[in-house]
Amino acid sequence: MHGIINTMTLFHGSDIAIPEPKIIPANRLLDFGEGFYTTSSYEQARRWANRVRLRKKSGKQIISVYEFDSDKAAKELQIIRFASPSPEWLSFVTTCRGGRETGYEYDMAIGPVANDNVYATIQLYETGLLSEAETIIRLKVEKIYDQILFHTDLALNYCIYARFESVEEGTDGQS
């Protein structure tokens, strides 16, 4: 068969709809560096939307929904993929969160998100209280969501806005 496109639905949680994503300088150090963050998990996007709502005191939780042609992107972009927490993922995240250059040229990064509980484990590793092996073991017991980072403007061409959804006020994104 021809014409089959392997698209993924991606979500971004905020307090506003984002029909035209942009690479905006971050005000904090993030897992995969600067860019536009999405996830394939609606639940995770709701959690992110709730965090933004609380931080900005906006009262709104909005999930922007995107379609992503992963096959085409894989052929045309430089993509770093981490299937699970691994020594390579840990090194990449600690480098990015430390504000240092990764040494990689990449348009996108895909892999597990280091949520607050996971980040506490990473901090123990960074301070030398946990070995790399112990850190990976601890990370594997946490519920880990994915994140898909669009790191360059070129990559954003593959993030096609579909719609937005308002999350009911008063919900916290927890299941």
C-alpha atoms as a PDB file:
ATOM      1  CA  MET A   1       0.000   0.000   0.000  1.00  0.00           C
ATOM      2  CA  HIS A   2       1.086   3.526  -0.565  1.00  0.00           C
ATOM      3  CA  GLY A   3       0.014   6.767   1.029  1.00  0.00           C
ATOM      4  CA  ILE A   4      -0.094   5.398   4.568  1.00  0.00           C
ATOM      5  CA  ILE A   5       1.079   8.054   6.982  1.00  0.00           C
ATOM      6  CA  ASN A   6       2.163   7.178  10.498  1.00  0.00           C
ATOM      7  CA  THR A   7       0.845  10.094  12.519  1.00  0.00           C
ATOM      8  CA  MET A   8       0.880  10.504  16.249  1.00  0.00           C
ATOM      9  CA  THR A   9      -1.441  12.693  18.257  1.00  0.00           C
ATOM     10  CA  LEU A  10       0.510  14.965  20.587  1.00  0.00           C
ATOM     11  CA  PHE A  11      -0.660  17.221  23.400  1.00  0.00           C
ATOM     12  CA  HIS A  12       0.618  20.415  25.021  1.00  0.00           C
ATOM     13  CA  GLY A  13      -0.762  21.641  28.346  1.00  0.00           C
ATOM     14  CA  SER A  14      -0.974  25.359  29.122  1.00  0.00           C
ATOM     15  CA  ASP A  15      -3.464  28.044  30.104  1.00  0.00           C
ATOM     16  CA  ILE A  16      -3.918  29.172  26.483  1.00  0.00           C
ATOM     17  CA  ALA A  17      -4.392  27.464  23.127  1.00  0.00           C
ATOM     18  CA  ILE A  18      -1.207  27.428  21.047  1.00  0.00           C
ATOM     19  CA  PRO A  19      -2.142  27.145  17.355  1.00  0.00           C
ATOM     20  CA  GLU A  20       1.297  28.345  16.224  1.00  0.00           C
ATOM     21  CA  PRO A  21       4.010  26.870  18.459  1.00  0.00           C
ATOM     22  CA  LYS A  22       7.282  28.754  18.690  1.00  0.00           C
ATOM     23  CA  ILE A  23      10.711  28.175  20.163  1.00  0.00           C
ATOM     24  CA  ILE A  24      10.770  30.660  23.044  1.00  0.00           C
ATOM     25  CA  PRO A  25      13.766  30.990  25.372  1.00  0.00           C
ATOM     26  CA  ALA A  26      12.990  29.063  28.539  1.00  0.00           C
ATOM     27  CA  ASN A  27      12.949  30.752  31.924  1.00  0.00           C
ATOM     28  CA  ARG A  28      14.304  27.567  33.526  1.00  0.00           C
ATOM     29  CA  LEU A  29      16.486  24.615  32.568  1.00  0.00           C
ATOM     30  CA  LEU A  30      14.498  21.739  31.086  1.00  0.00           C
ATOM     31  CA  ASP A  31      15.043  18.010  30.440  1.00  0.00           C
ATOM     32  CA  PHE A  32      15.869  18.202  26.727  1.00  0.00           C
ATOM     33  CA  GLY A  33      16.839  21.845  26.443  1.00  0.00           C
ATOM     34  CA  GLU A  34      15.034  24.723  24.826  1.00  0.00           C
ATOM     35  CA  GLY A  35      12.085  24.174  22.531  1.00  0.00           C
ATOM     36  CA  PHE A  36       8.393  23.362  22.357  1.00  0.00           C
ATOM     37  CA  TYR A  37       7.427  20.414  24.567  1.00  0.00           C
ATOM     38  CA  THR A  38       4.608  17.982  23.812  1.00  0.00           C
ATOM     39  CA  THR A  39       3.626  14.505  25.000  1.00  0.00           C
ATOM     40  CA  SER A  40       1.642  11.582  23.625  1.00  0.00           C
ATOM     41  CA  SER A  41      -0.085  11.321  27.033  1.00  0.00           C
ATOM     42  CA  TYR A  42      -3.264  13.334  27.490  1.00  0.00           C
ATOM     43  CA  GLU A  43      -2.930  12.761  31.250  1.00  0.00           C
ATOM     44  CA  GLN A  44       0.556  14.277  31.294  1.00  0.00           C
ATOM     45  CA  ALA A  45      -0.621  17.283  29.255  1.00  0.00           C
ATOM     46  CA  ARG A  46      -3.396  17.839  31.829  1.00  0.00           C
ATOM     47  CA  ARG A  47      -0.800  17.809  34.598  1.00  0.00           C
ATOM     48  CA  TRP A  48       1.293  20.374  32.720  1.00  0.00           C
ATOM     49  CA  ALA A  49      -1.803  22.541  32.116  1.00  0.00           C
ATOM     50  CA  ASN A  50      -2.618  22.435  35.814  1.00  0.00           C
ATOM     51  CA  ARG A  51       0.922  23.473  36.758  1.00  0.00           C
ATOM     52  CA  VAL A  52       0.732  26.447  34.381  1.00  0.00           C
ATOM     53  CA  ARG A  53      -2.706  27.373  35.770  1.00  0.00           C
ATOM     54  CA  LEU A  54      -1.353  27.337  39.326  1.00  0.00           C
ATOM     55  CA  ARG A  55       1.870  29.169  38.449  1.00  0.00           C
ATOM     56  CA  LYS A  56       0.101  31.920  36.495  1.00  0.00           C
ATOM     57  CA  LYS A  57      -3.038  31.904  38.676  1.00  0.00           C
ATOM     58  CA  SER A  58      -5.022  32.034  35.428  1.00  0.00           C
ATOM     59  CA  GLY A  59      -7.829  29.641  36.296  1.00  0.00           C
ATOM     60  CA  LYS A  60      -7.600  28.039  32.842  1.00  0.00           C
ATOM     61  CA  GLN A  61      -6.316  24.672  31.663  1.00  0.00           C
ATOM     62  CA  ILE A  62      -6.055  24.231  27.907  1.00  0.00           C
ATOM     63  CA  ILE A  63      -4.805  21.206  25.992  1.00  0.00           C
ATOM     64  CA  SER A  64      -3.590  21.989  22.475  1.00  0.00           C
ATOM     65  CA  VAL A  65      -3.745  18.939  20.202  1.00  0.00           C
ATOM     66  CA  TYR A  66      -1.319  18.350  17.326  1.00  0.00           C
ATOM     67  CA  GLU A  67      -0.754  15.762  14.626  1.00  0.00           C
ATOM     68  CA  PHE A  68       2.821  14.660  14.001  1.00  0.00           C
ATOM     69  CA  ASP A  69       4.031  12.676  10.963  1.00  0.00           C
ATOM     70  CA  SER A  70       6.693  10.619  12.726  1.00  0.00           C
ATOM     71  CA  ASP A  71       7.784   8.689   9.620  1.00  0.00           C
ATOM     72  CA  LYS A  72       8.465  11.819   7.581  1.00  0.00           C
ATOM     73  CA  ALA A  73      10.187  13.522  10.518  1.00  0.00           C
ATOM     74  CA  ALA A  74      12.411  10.469  11.062  1.00  0.00           C
ATOM     75  CA  LYS A  75      13.602  10.697   7.451  1.00  0.00           C
ATOM     76  CA  GLU A  76      14.145  14.454   7.370  1.00  0.00           C
ATOM     77  CA  LEU A  77      15.183  15.562  10.876  1.00  0.00           C
ATOM     78  CA  GLN A  78      17.945  14.844  13.364  1.00  0.00           C
ATOM     79  CA  ILE A  79      16.094  13.125  16.222  1.00  0.00           C
ATOM     80  CA  ILE A  80      17.524  11.894  19.502  1.00  0.00           C
ATOM     81  CA  ARG A  81      15.427   9.054  20.965  1.00  0.00           C
ATOM     82  CA  PHE A  82      15.552   7.530  24.411  1.00  0.00           C
ATOM     83  CA  ALA A  83      13.255   4.496  24.743  1.00  0.00           C
ATOM     84  CA  SER A  84      13.550   4.413  28.536  1.00  0.00           C
ATOM     85  CA  PRO A  85      15.628   5.849  31.348  1.00  0.00           C
ATOM     86  CA  SER A  86      19.170   4.783  30.505  1.00  0.00           C
ATOM     87  CA  PRO A  87      22.686   6.025  31.213  1.00  0.00           C
ATOM     88  CA  GLU A  88      22.605   7.962  27.922  1.00  0.00           C
ATOM     89  CA  TRP A  89      19.233   9.569  28.797  1.00  0.00           C
ATOM     90  CA  LEU A  90      20.455  10.411  32.303  1.00  0.00           C
ATOM     91  CA  SER A  91      23.586  12.065  30.921  1.00  0.00           C
ATOM     92  CA  PHE A  92      21.565  14.056  28.368  1.00  0.00           C
ATOM     93  CA  VAL A  93      18.993  15.267  30.937  1.00  0.00           C
ATOM     94  CA  THR A  94      21.587  16.227  33.538  1.00  0.00           C
ATOM     95  CA  THR A  95      23.588  18.079  30.875  1.00  0.00           C
ATOM     96  CA  CYS A  96      20.513  20.001  29.650  1.00  0.00           C
ATOM     97  CA  ARG A  97      19.244  20.731  33.169  1.00  0.00           C
ATOM     98  CA  GLY A  98      22.725  21.896  34.073  1.00  0.00           C
ATOM     99  CA  GLY A  99      22.649  24.446  31.246  1.00  0.00           C
ATOM    100  CA  ARG A 100      25.561  22.836  29.438  1.00  0.00           C
ATOM    101  CA  GLU A 101      25.949  22.000  25.748  1.00  0.00           C
ATOM    102  CA  THR A 102      25.071  18.376  24.927  1.00  0.00           C
ATOM    103  CA  GLY A 103      27.423  18.087  21.974  1.00  0.00           C
ATOM    104  CA  TYR A 104      24.533  16.865  19.804  1.00  0.00           C
ATOM    105  CA  GLU A 105      22.999  18.558  16.785  1.00  0.00           C
ATOM    106  CA  TYR A 106      19.306  17.767  17.001  1.00  0.00           C
ATOM    107  CA  ASP A 107      15.957  19.035  15.740  1.00  0.00           C
ATOM    108  CA  MET A 108      13.936  16.922  18.144  1.00  0.00           C
ATOM    109  CA  ALA A 109      14.391  14.868  21.294  1.00  0.00           C
ATOM    110  CA  ILE A 110      12.004  12.098  22.330  1.00  0.00           C
ATOM    111  CA  GLY A 111      12.065  10.183  25.583  1.00  0.00           C
ATOM    112  CA  PRO A 112      10.951   9.907  29.183  1.00  0.00           C
ATOM    113  CA  VAL A 113      10.069  13.022  31.125  1.00  0.00           C
ATOM    114  CA  ALA A 114      11.827  13.630  34.429  1.00  0.00           C
ATOM    115  CA  ASN A 115       8.900  14.705  36.595  1.00  0.00           C
ATOM    116  CA  ASP A 116       9.362  16.127  40.089  1.00  0.00           C
ATOM    117  CA  ASN A 117       9.819  12.705  41.731  1.00  0.00           C
ATOM    118  CA  VAL A 118      12.231  11.605  39.027  1.00  0.00           C
ATOM    119  CA  TYR A 119      14.126  14.883  39.247  1.00  0.00           C
ATOM    120  CA  ALA A 120      14.723  14.338  42.986  1.00  0.00           C
ATOM    121  CA  THR A 121      16.455  11.069  42.054  1.00  0.00           C
ATOM    122  CA  ILE A 122      18.496  12.873  39.395  1.00  0.00           C
ATOM    123  CA  GLN A 123      19.579  15.462  41.975  1.00  0.00           C
ATOM    124  CA  LEU A 124      20.846  12.661  44.242  1.00  0.00           C
ATOM    125  CA  TYR A 125      22.816  11.319  41.270  1.00  0.00           C
ATOM    126  CA  GLU A 126      24.237  14.746  40.378  1.00  0.00           C
ATOM    127  CA  THR A 127      25.464  15.282  43.932  1.00  0.00           C
ATOM    128  CA  GLY A 128      27.156  11.864  43.966  1.00  0.00           C
ATOM    129  CA  LEU A 129      24.829  10.254  46.509  1.00  0.00           C
ATOM    130  CA  LEU A 130      23.622   7.697  43.951  1.00  0.00           C
ATOM    131  CA  SER A 131      25.610   5.808  41.350  1.00  0.00           C
ATOM    132  CA  GLU A 132      24.512   5.767  37.726  1.00  0.00           C
ATOM    133  CA  ALA A 133      23.255   2.182  38.089  1.00  0.00           C
ATOM    134  CA  GLU A 134      21.283   2.950  41.283  1.00  0.00           C
ATOM    135  CA  THR A 135      19.779   6.031  39.652  1.00  0.00           C
ATOM    136  CA  ILE A 136      18.567   4.035  36.630  1.00  0.00           C
ATOM    137  CA  ILE A 137      17.054   1.366  38.927  1.00  0.00           C
ATOM    138  CA  ARG A 138      15.181   4.018  40.930  1.00  0.00           C
ATOM    139  CA  LEU A 139      13.942   5.743  37.795  1.00  0.00           C
ATOM    140  CA  LYS A 140      12.472   2.531  36.404  1.00  0.00           C
ATOM    141  CA  VAL A 141      10.060   2.170  39.347  1.00  0.00           C
ATOM    142  CA  GLU A 142       8.503   5.616  38.812  1.00  0.00           C
ATOM    143  CA  LYS A 143       5.552   6.055  36.436  1.00  0.00           C
ATOM    144  CA  ILE A 144       7.262   7.722  33.516  1.00  0.00           C
ATOM    145  CA  TYR A 145       5.582   9.676  30.727  1.00  0.00           C
ATOM    146  CA  ASP A 146       7.090  10.630  27.408  1.00  0.00           C
ATOM    147  CA  GLN A 147       7.984  14.037  26.085  1.00  0.00           C
ATOM    148  CA  ILE A 148       8.518  15.070  22.499  1.00  0.00           C
ATOM    149  CA  LEU A 149      10.596  18.220  22.160  1.00  0.00           C
ATOM    150  CA  PHE A 150      10.590  20.282  18.989  1.00  0.00           C
ATOM    151  CA  HIS A 151      14.012  21.904  19.361  1.00  0.00           C
ATOM    152  CA  THR A 152      14.253  23.837  16.066  1.00  0.00           C
ATOM    153  CA  ASP A 153      11.952  25.881  13.857  1.00  0.00           C
ATOM    154  CA  LEU A 154      12.448  23.240  11.151  1.00  0.00           C
ATOM    155  CA  ALA A 155      11.066  20.574  13.514  1.00  0.00           C
ATOM    156  CA  LEU A 156       8.029  22.736  14.329  1.00  0.00           C
ATOM    157  CA  ASN A 157       6.937  22.344  10.688  1.00  0.00           C
ATOM    158  CA  TYR A 158       6.031  18.746  11.622  1.00  0.00           C
ATOM    159  CA  CYS A 159       3.857  19.783  14.592  1.00  0.00           C
ATOM    160  CA  ILE A 160       0.466  20.407  12.961  1.00  0.00           C
ATOM    161  CA  TYR A 161      -2.171  22.077  15.140  1.00  0.00           C
ATOM    162  CA  ALA A 162      -5.518  20.245  15.151  1.00  0.00           C
ATOM    163  CA  ARG A 163      -7.603  21.846  17.934  1.00  0.00           C
ATOM    164  CA  PHE A 164      -7.681  22.745  21.600  1.00  0.00           C
ATOM    165  CA  GLU A 165      -9.713  21.457  24.519  1.00  0.00           C
ATOM    166  CA  SER A 166     -10.587  23.212  27.757  1.00  0.00           C
ATOM    167  CA  VAL A 167     -10.129  21.090  30.857  1.00  0.00           C
ATOM    168  CA  GLU A 168     -12.898  21.569  33.390  1.00  0.00           C
ATOM    169  CA  GLU A 169     -12.013  24.225  35.935  1.00  0.00           C
ATOM    170  CA  GLY A 170     -11.182  22.733  39.298  1.00  0.00           C
ATOM    171  CA  THR A 171      -9.708  19.525  37.919  1.00  0.00           C
ATOM    172  CA  ASP A 172      -6.079  18.957  38.685  1.00  0.00           C
ATOM    173  CA  GLY A 173      -5.107  16.586  35.899  1.00  0.00           C
ATOM    174  CA  GLN A 174      -4.748  13.714  38.374  1.00  0.00           C
ATOM    175  CA  SER A 175      -6.437  10.398  37.647  1.00  0.00           C
END
